[in-house]
Amino acid sequence: MALKTGQKTFQQICAENGRDWKKVVDEMAEAQDYAMQKGINLLEMIRGAQAADSGSDGNEDGEKEGAEKGEKDGADA
């Protein structure tokens, strides 16, 4: 979350966990290459998980739309 919100860098997070960020990137690239060889797109899997997380945001937008519609309906009455 700290990375996503810009509070920390990837390098800081790796250091806090006792990891060398360059080795972590190398491991990630290796995992991505292997997954692609097997027909799996890890990036799409991650994006899918983020889309599911942001699904709650979609519900909030739906609630806002409903509230706005209700305001419009109330104004017409």
PDB file of N, CA and C in Angstrom:
ATOM      1  N   MET A   1       0.823  -1.182   0.000  1.00  0.00           N
ATOM      2  CA  MET A   1       0.000   0.000   0.000  1.00  0.00           C
ATOM      3  C   MET A   1       0.874   1.256   0.000  1.00  0.00           C
ATOM      4  N   ALA A   2       1.978   1.220   0.769  1.00  0.00           N
ATOM      5  CA  ALA A   2       2.876   2.381   0.830  1.00  0.00           C
ATOM      6  C   ALA A   2       3.486   2.664  -0.540  1.00  0.00           C
ATOM      7  N   LEU A   3       3.780   1.623  -1.287  1.00  0.00           N
ATOM      8  CA  LEU A   3       4.323   1.793  -2.633  1.00  0.00           C
ATOM      9  C   LEU A   3       3.258   2.407  -3.541  1.00  0.00           C
ATOM     10  N   LYS A   4       2.059   1.880  -3.451  1.00  0.00           N
ATOM     11  CA  LYS A   4       0.957   2.340  -4.296  1.00  0.00           C
ATOM     12  C   LYS A   4       0.617   3.805  -4.047  1.00  0.00           C
ATOM     13  N   THR A   5       0.745   4.236  -2.809  1.00  0.00           N
ATOM     14  CA  THR A   5       0.393   5.609  -2.458  1.00  0.00           C
ATOM     15  C   THR A   5       1.582   6.568  -2.530  1.00  0.00           C
ATOM     16  N   GLY A   6       2.764   6.043  -2.889  1.00  0.00           N
ATOM     17  CA  GLY A   6       3.949   6.885  -3.049  1.00  0.00           C
ATOM     18  C   GLY A   6       4.645   7.235  -1.745  1.00  0.00           C
ATOM     19  N   GLN A   7       4.283   6.567  -0.659  1.00  0.00           N
ATOM     20  CA  GLN A   7       4.912   6.844   0.629  1.00  0.00           C
ATOM     21  C   GLN A   7       6.303   6.225   0.721  1.00  0.00           C
ATOM     22  N   LYS A   8       6.519   5.129  -0.028  1.00  0.00           N
ATOM     23  CA  LYS A   8       7.813   4.446  -0.031  1.00  0.00           C
ATOM     24  C   LYS A   8       8.145   4.006  -1.442  1.00  0.00           C
ATOM     25  N   THR A   9       9.440   3.853  -1.687  1.00  0.00           N
ATOM     26  CA  THR A   9       9.887   3.344  -2.979  1.00  0.00           C
ATOM     27  C   THR A   9      10.019   1.827  -2.906  1.00  0.00           C
ATOM     28  N   PHE A  10      10.097   1.226  -4.076  1.00  0.00           N
ATOM     29  CA  PHE A  10      10.309  -0.214  -4.144  1.00  0.00           C
ATOM     30  C   PHE A  10      11.612  -0.583  -3.432  1.00  0.00           C
ATOM     31  N   GLN A  11      12.644   0.230  -3.629  1.00  0.00           N
ATOM     32  CA  GLN A  11      13.935  -0.014  -3.001  1.00  0.00           C
ATOM     33  C   GLN A  11      13.821   0.026  -1.474  1.00  0.00           C
ATOM     34  N   GLN A  12      13.073   0.982  -0.928  1.00  0.00           N
ATOM     35  CA  GLN A  12      12.897   1.074   0.522  1.00  0.00           C
ATOM     36  C   GLN A  12      12.187  -0.153   1.075  1.00  0.00           C
ATOM     37  N   ILE A  13      11.154  -0.578   0.388  1.00  0.00           N
ATOM     38  CA  ILE A  13      10.391  -1.741   0.855  1.00  0.00           C
ATOM     39  C   ILE A  13      11.259  -2.993   0.839  1.00  0.00           C
ATOM     40  N   CYS A  14      12.033  -3.163  -0.216  1.00  0.00           N
ATOM     41  CA  CYS A  14      12.931  -4.316  -0.281  1.00  0.00           C
ATOM     42  C   CYS A  14      13.949  -4.264   0.853  1.00  0.00           C
ATOM     43  N   ALA A  15      14.543  -3.101   1.078  1.00  0.00           N
ATOM     44  CA  ALA A  15      15.548  -2.949   2.138  1.00  0.00           C
ATOM     45  C   ALA A  15      14.949  -3.267   3.509  1.00  0.00           C
ATOM     46  N   GLU A  16      13.732  -2.829   3.752  1.00  0.00           N
ATOM     47  CA  GLU A  16      13.066  -3.096   5.025  1.00  0.00           C
ATOM     48  C   GLU A  16      12.855  -4.595   5.245  1.00  0.00           C
ATOM     49  N   ASN A  17      12.783  -5.340   4.142  1.00  0.00           N
ATOM     50  CA  ASN A  17      12.588  -6.781   4.226  1.00  0.00           C
ATOM     51  C   ASN A  17      13.899  -7.551   4.047  1.00  0.00           C
ATOM     52  N   GLY A  18      15.018  -6.818   4.099  1.00  0.00           N
ATOM     53  CA  GLY A  18      16.325  -7.454   4.004  1.00  0.00           C
ATOM     54  C   GLY A  18      16.642  -7.991   2.615  1.00  0.00           C
ATOM     55  N   ARG A  19      16.029  -7.430   1.599  1.00  0.00           N
ATOM     56  CA  ARG A  19      16.225  -7.902   0.232  1.00  0.00           C
ATOM     57  C   ARG A  19      16.919  -6.856  -0.607  1.00  0.00           C
ATOM     58  N   ASP A  20      17.711  -7.309  -1.574  1.00  0.00           N
ATOM     59  CA  ASP A  20      18.339  -6.432  -2.559  1.00  0.00           C
ATOM     60  C   ASP A  20      17.317  -6.232  -3.673  1.00  0.00           C
ATOM     61  N   TRP A  21      16.934  -4.988  -3.914  1.00  0.00           N
ATOM     62  CA  TRP A  21      15.856  -4.722  -4.869  1.00  0.00           C
ATOM     63  C   TRP A  21      16.186  -5.200  -6.270  1.00  0.00           C
ATOM     64  N   LYS A  22      17.468  -5.159  -6.652  1.00  0.00           N
ATOM     65  CA  LYS A  22      17.845  -5.622  -7.992  1.00  0.00           C
ATOM     66  C   LYS A  22      17.650  -7.133  -8.119  1.00  0.00           C
ATOM     67  N   LYS A  23      17.948  -7.865  -7.055  1.00  0.00           N
ATOM     68  CA  LYS A  23      17.720  -9.318  -7.073  1.00  0.00           C
ATOM     69  C   LYS A  23      16.229  -9.614  -7.132  1.00  0.00           C
ATOM     70  N   VAL A  24      15.438  -8.820  -6.431  1.00  0.00           N
ATOM     71  CA  VAL A  24      13.982  -9.013  -6.449  1.00  0.00           C
ATOM     72  C   VAL A  24      13.452  -8.785  -7.863  1.00  0.00           C
ATOM     73  N   VAL A  25      13.939  -7.738  -8.530  1.00  0.00           N
ATOM     74  CA  VAL A  25      13.510  -7.463  -9.906  1.00  0.00           C
ATOM     75  C   VAL A  25      13.931  -8.606 -10.819  1.00  0.00           C
ATOM     76  N   ASP A  26      15.154  -9.113 -10.643  1.00  0.00           N
ATOM     77  CA  ASP A  26      15.619 -10.252 -11.447  1.00  0.00           C
ATOM     78  C   ASP A  26      14.723 -11.472 -11.231  1.00  0.00           C
ATOM     79  N   GLU A  27      14.343 -11.720  -9.978  1.00  0.00           N
ATOM     80  CA  GLU A  27      13.460 -12.849  -9.667  1.00  0.00           C
ATOM     81  C   GLU A  27      12.087 -12.656 -10.297  1.00  0.00           C
ATOM     82  N   MET A  28      11.598 -11.435 -10.256  1.00  0.00           N
ATOM     83  CA  MET A  28      10.295 -11.150 -10.854  1.00  0.00           C
ATOM     84  C   MET A  28      10.338 -11.366 -12.368  1.00  0.00           C
ATOM     85  N   ALA A  29      11.419 -10.918 -12.992  1.00  0.00           N
ATOM     86  CA  ALA A  29      11.564 -11.091 -14.440  1.00  0.00           C
ATOM     87  C   ALA A  29      11.657 -12.575 -14.791  1.00  0.00           C
ATOM     88  N   GLU A  30      12.383 -13.325 -13.983  1.00  0.00           N
ATOM     89  CA  GLU A  30      12.506 -14.766 -14.216  1.00  0.00           C
ATOM     90  C   GLU A  30      11.147 -15.450 -14.086  1.00  0.00           C
ATOM     91  N   ALA A  31      10.386 -15.068 -13.072  1.00  0.00           N
ATOM     92  CA  ALA A  31       9.054 -15.649 -12.876  1.00  0.00           C
ATOM     93  C   ALA A  31       8.136 -15.286 -14.041  1.00  0.00           C
ATOM     94  N   GLN A  32       8.228 -14.044 -14.495  1.00  0.00           N
ATOM     95  CA  GLN A  32       7.393 -13.601 -15.612  1.00  0.00           C
ATOM     96  C   GLN A  32       7.750 -14.362 -16.885  1.00  0.00           C
ATOM     97  N   ASP A  33       9.044 -14.511 -17.160  1.00  0.00           N
ATOM     98  CA  ASP A  33       9.482 -15.255 -18.349  1.00  0.00           C
ATOM     99  C   ASP A  33       8.995 -16.699 -18.302  1.00  0.00           C
ATOM    100  N   TYR A  34       9.147 -17.329 -17.146  1.00  0.00           N
ATOM    101  CA  TYR A  34       8.720 -18.722 -17.002  1.00  0.00           C
ATOM    102  C   TYR A  34       7.211 -18.845 -17.186  1.00  0.00           C
ATOM    103  N   ALA A  35       6.474 -17.929 -16.575  1.00  0.00           N
ATOM    104  CA  ALA A  35       5.017 -17.975 -16.684  1.00  0.00           C
ATOM    105  C   ALA A  35       4.583 -17.793 -18.140  1.00  0.00           C
ATOM    106  N   MET A  36       5.228 -16.895 -18.861  1.00  0.00           N
ATOM    107  CA  MET A  36       4.881 -16.665 -20.268  1.00  0.00           C
ATOM    108  C   MET A  36       5.150 -17.927 -21.098  1.00  0.00           C
ATOM    109  N   GLN A  37       6.227 -18.645 -20.787  1.00  0.00           N
ATOM    110  CA  GLN A  37       6.521 -19.902 -21.482  1.00  0.00           C
ATOM    111  C   GLN A  37       5.402 -20.915 -21.252  1.00  0.00           C
ATOM    112  N   LYS A  38       4.774 -20.834 -20.116  1.00  0.00           N
ATOM    113  CA  LYS A  38       3.678 -21.744 -19.765  1.00  0.00           C
ATOM    114  C   LYS A  38       2.317 -21.194 -20.195  1.00  0.00           C
ATOM    115  N   GLY A  39       2.326 -20.035 -20.850  1.00  0.00           N
ATOM    116  CA  GLY A  39       1.072 -19.457 -21.332  1.00  0.00           C
ATOM    117  C   GLY A  39       0.309 -18.678 -20.282  1.00  0.00           C
ATOM    118  N   ILE A  40       1.007 -18.221 -19.258  1.00  0.00           N
ATOM    119  CA  ILE A  40       0.362 -17.472 -18.185  1.00  0.00           C
ATOM    120  C   ILE A  40       0.930 -16.058 -18.183  1.00  0.00           C
ATOM    121  N   ASN A  41       0.063 -15.076 -18.172  1.00  0.00           N
ATOM    122  CA  ASN A  41       0.484 -13.684 -18.134  1.00  0.00           C
ATOM    123  C   ASN A  41       0.327 -13.180 -16.704  1.00  0.00           C
ATOM    124  N   LEU A  42       1.434 -13.123 -15.972  1.00  0.00           N
ATOM    125  CA  LEU A  42       1.378 -12.703 -14.575  1.00  0.00           C
ATOM    126  C   LEU A  42       0.895 -11.265 -14.428  1.00  0.00           C
ATOM    127  N   LEU A  43       1.277 -10.403 -15.339  1.00  0.00           N
ATOM    128  CA  LEU A  43       0.856  -9.013 -15.267  1.00  0.00           C
ATOM    129  C   LEU A  43      -0.666  -8.900 -15.352  1.00  0.00           C
ATOM    130  N   GLU A  44      -1.253  -9.667 -16.244  1.00  0.00           N
ATOM    131  CA  GLU A  44      -2.715  -9.650 -16.352  1.00  0.00           C
ATOM    132  C   GLU A  44      -3.368 -10.215 -15.096  1.00  0.00           C
ATOM    133  N   MET A  45      -2.719 -11.212 -14.496  1.00  0.00           N
ATOM    134  CA  MET A  45      -3.262 -11.763 -13.249  1.00  0.00           C
ATOM    135  C   MET A  45      -3.245 -10.697 -12.159  1.00  0.00           C
ATOM    136  N   ILE A  46      -2.151  -9.938 -12.093  1.00  0.00           N
ATOM    137  CA  ILE A  46      -2.042  -8.880 -11.086  1.00  0.00           C
ATOM    138  C   ILE A  46      -3.061  -7.786 -11.369  1.00  0.00           C
ATOM    139  N   ARG A  47      -3.175  -7.397 -12.619  1.00  0.00           N
ATOM    140  CA  ARG A  47      -4.163  -6.377 -12.979  1.00  0.00           C
ATOM    141  C   ARG A  47      -5.566  -6.842 -12.656  1.00  0.00           C
ATOM    142  N   GLY A  48      -5.833  -8.117 -12.886  1.00  0.00           N
ATOM    143  CA  GLY A  48      -7.147  -8.670 -12.563  1.00  0.00           C
ATOM    144  C   GLY A  48      -7.434  -8.575 -11.087  1.00  0.00           C
ATOM    145  N   ALA A  49      -6.412  -8.827 -10.277  1.00  0.00           N
ATOM    146  CA  ALA A  49      -6.582  -8.725  -8.831  1.00  0.00           C
ATOM    147  C   ALA A  49      -6.828  -7.279  -8.440  1.00  0.00           C
ATOM    148  N   GLN A  50      -6.135  -6.347  -9.086  1.00  0.00           N
ATOM    149  CA  GLN A  50      -6.348  -4.935  -8.792  1.00  0.00           C
ATOM    150  C   GLN A  50      -7.727  -4.500  -9.244  1.00  0.00           C
ATOM    151  N   ALA A  51      -8.180  -5.014 -10.370  1.00  0.00           N
ATOM    152  CA  ALA A  51      -9.512  -4.675 -10.853  1.00  0.00           C
ATOM    153  C   ALA A  51     -10.562  -5.165  -9.861  1.00  0.00           C
ATOM    154  N   ALA A  52     -10.322  -6.349  -9.297  1.00  0.00           N
ATOM    155  CA  ALA A  52     -11.250  -6.877  -8.297  1.00  0.00           C
ATOM    156  C   ALA A  52     -11.230  -6.000  -7.052  1.00  0.00           C
ATOM    157  N   ASP A  53     -10.025  -5.524  -6.669  1.00  0.00           N
ATOM    158  CA  ASP A  53      -9.921  -4.631  -5.524  1.00  0.00           C
ATOM    159  C   ASP A  53     -10.642  -3.326  -5.794  1.00  0.00           C
ATOM    160  N   SER A  54     -10.529  -2.820  -7.009  1.00  0.00           N
ATOM    161  CA  SER A  54     -11.171  -1.559  -7.330  1.00  0.00           C
ATOM    162  C   SER A  54     -12.660  -1.750  -7.601  1.00  0.00           C
ATOM    163  N   GLY A  55     -13.126  -2.985  -7.594  1.00  0.00           N
ATOM    164  CA  GLY A  55     -14.550  -3.240  -7.760  1.00  0.00           C
ATOM    165  C   GLY A  55     -15.360  -2.570  -6.670  1.00  0.00           C
ATOM    166  N   SER A  56     -14.771  -2.462  -5.467  1.00  0.00           N
ATOM    167  CA  SER A  56     -15.477  -1.767  -4.401  1.00  0.00           C
ATOM    168  C   SER A  56     -15.627  -0.300  -4.753  1.00  0.00           C
ATOM    169  N   ASP A  57     -14.642   0.258  -5.468  1.00  0.00           N
ATOM    170  CA  ASP A  57     -14.756   1.644  -5.915  1.00  0.00           C
ATOM    171  C   ASP A  57     -15.904   1.780  -6.898  1.00  0.00           C
ATOM    172  N   GLY A  58     -16.066   0.767  -7.743  1.00  0.00           N
ATOM    173  CA  GLY A  58     -17.166   0.783  -8.694  1.00  0.00           C
ATOM    174  C   GLY A  58     -18.501   0.807  -7.987  1.00  0.00           C
ATOM    175  N   ASN A  59     -18.602   0.094  -6.874  1.00  0.00           N
ATOM    176  CA  ASN A  59     -19.844   0.110  -6.115  1.00  0.00           C
ATOM    177  C   ASN A  59     -20.115   1.490  -5.554  1.00  0.00           C
ATOM    178  N   GLU A  60     -19.056   2.154  -5.096  1.00  0.00           N
ATOM    179  CA  GLU A  60     -19.233   3.494  -4.567  1.00  0.00           C
ATOM    180  C   GLU A  60     -19.737   4.420  -5.655  1.00  0.00           C
ATOM    181  N   ASP A  61     -19.198   4.284  -6.872  1.00  0.00           N
ATOM    182  CA  ASP A  61     -19.649   5.115  -7.979  1.00  0.00           C
ATOM    183  C   ASP A  61     -21.119   4.835  -8.269  1.00  0.00           C
ATOM    184  N   GLY A  62     -21.487   3.560  -8.200  1.00  0.00           N
ATOM    185  CA  GLY A  62     -22.879   3.199  -8.427  1.00  0.00           C
ATOM    186  C   GLY A  62     -23.780   3.832  -7.385  1.00  0.00           C
ATOM    187  N   GLU A  63     -23.290   3.864  -6.145  1.00  0.00           N
ATOM    188  CA  GLU A  63     -24.077   4.493  -5.096  1.00  0.00           C
ATOM    189  C   GLU A  63     -24.214   5.982  -5.359  1.00  0.00           C
ATOM    190  N   LYS A  64     -23.123   6.602  -5.825  1.00  0.00           N
ATOM    191  CA  LYS A  64     -23.169   8.028  -6.125  1.00  0.00           C
ATOM    192  C   LYS A  64     -24.154   8.300  -7.253  1.00  0.00           C
ATOM    193  N   GLU A  65     -24.107   7.455  -8.293  1.00  0.00           N
ATOM    194  CA  GLU A  65     -25.017   7.630  -9.414  1.00  0.00           C
ATOM    195  C   GLU A  65     -26.456   7.518  -8.944  1.00  0.00           C
ATOM    196  N   GLY A  66     -26.709   6.549  -8.077  1.00  0.00           N
ATOM    197  CA  GLY A  66     -28.056   6.369  -7.553  1.00  0.00           C
ATOM    198  C   GLY A  66     -28.501   7.570  -6.735  1.00  0.00           C
ATOM    199  N   ALA A  67     -27.562   8.120  -5.949  1.00  0.00           N
ATOM    200  CA  ALA A  67     -27.887   9.286  -5.134  1.00  0.00           C
ATOM    201  C   ALA A  67     -28.173  10.486  -6.022  1.00  0.00           C
ATOM    202  N   GLU A  68     -27.354  10.647  -7.073  1.00  0.00           N
ATOM    203  CA  GLU A  68     -27.587  11.756  -7.985  1.00  0.00           C
ATOM    204  C   GLU A  68     -28.929  11.607  -8.680  1.00  0.00           C
ATOM    205  N   LYS A  69     -29.256  10.387  -9.081  1.00  0.00           N
ATOM    206  CA  LYS A  69     -30.534  10.164  -9.737  1.00  0.00           C
ATOM    207  C   LYS A  69     -31.673  10.473  -8.791  1.00  0.00           C
ATOM    208  N   GLY A  70     -31.487  10.046  -7.515  1.00  0.00           N
ATOM    209  CA  GLY A  70     -32.520  10.322  -6.526  1.00  0.00           C
ATOM    210  C   GLY A  70     -32.701  11.816  -6.327  1.00  0.00           C
ATOM    211  N   GLU A  71     -31.590  12.564  -6.340  1.00  0.00           N
ATOM    212  CA  GLU A  71     -31.681  14.008  -6.209  1.00  0.00           C
ATOM    213  C   GLU A  71     -32.441  14.607  -7.382  1.00  0.00           C
ATOM    214  N   LYS A  72     -32.157  14.102  -8.584  1.00  0.00           N
ATOM    215  CA  LYS A  72     -32.854  14.601  -9.772  1.00  0.00           C
ATOM    216  C   LYS A  72     -34.328  14.273  -9.707  1.00  0.00           C
ATOM    217  N   ASP A  73     -34.626  13.017  -9.278  1.00  0.00           N
ATOM    218  CA  ASP A  73     -36.019  12.602  -9.181  1.00  0.00           C
ATOM    219  C   ASP A  73     -36.750  13.448  -8.148  1.00  0.00           C
ATOM    220  N   GLY A  74     -36.063  13.741  -7.038  1.00  0.00           N
ATOM    221  CA  GLY A  74     -36.675  14.553  -5.982  1.00  0.00           C
ATOM    222  C   GLY A  74     -36.917  15.955  -6.456  1.00  0.00           C
ATOM    223  N   ALA A  75     -36.043  16.462  -7.290  1.00  0.00           N
ATOM    224  CA  ALA A  75     -36.192  17.840  -7.793  1.00  0.00           C
ATOM    225  C   ALA A  75     -37.381  17.930  -8.746  1.00  0.00           C
ATOM    226  N   ASP A  76     -37.642  16.838  -9.464  1.00  0.00           N
ATOM    227  CA  ASP A  76     -38.747  16.835 -10.424  1.00  0.00           C
ATOM    228  C   ASP A  76     -40.091  16.745  -9.717  1.00  0.00           C
ATOM    229  N   ALA A  77     -40.110  16.152  -8.508  1.00  0.00           N
ATOM    230  CA  ALA A  77     -41.375  15.889  -7.822  1.00  0.00           C
ATOM    231  C   ALA A  77     -41.984  17.109  -7.216  1.00  0.00           C
TER     232      ALA A  77
END
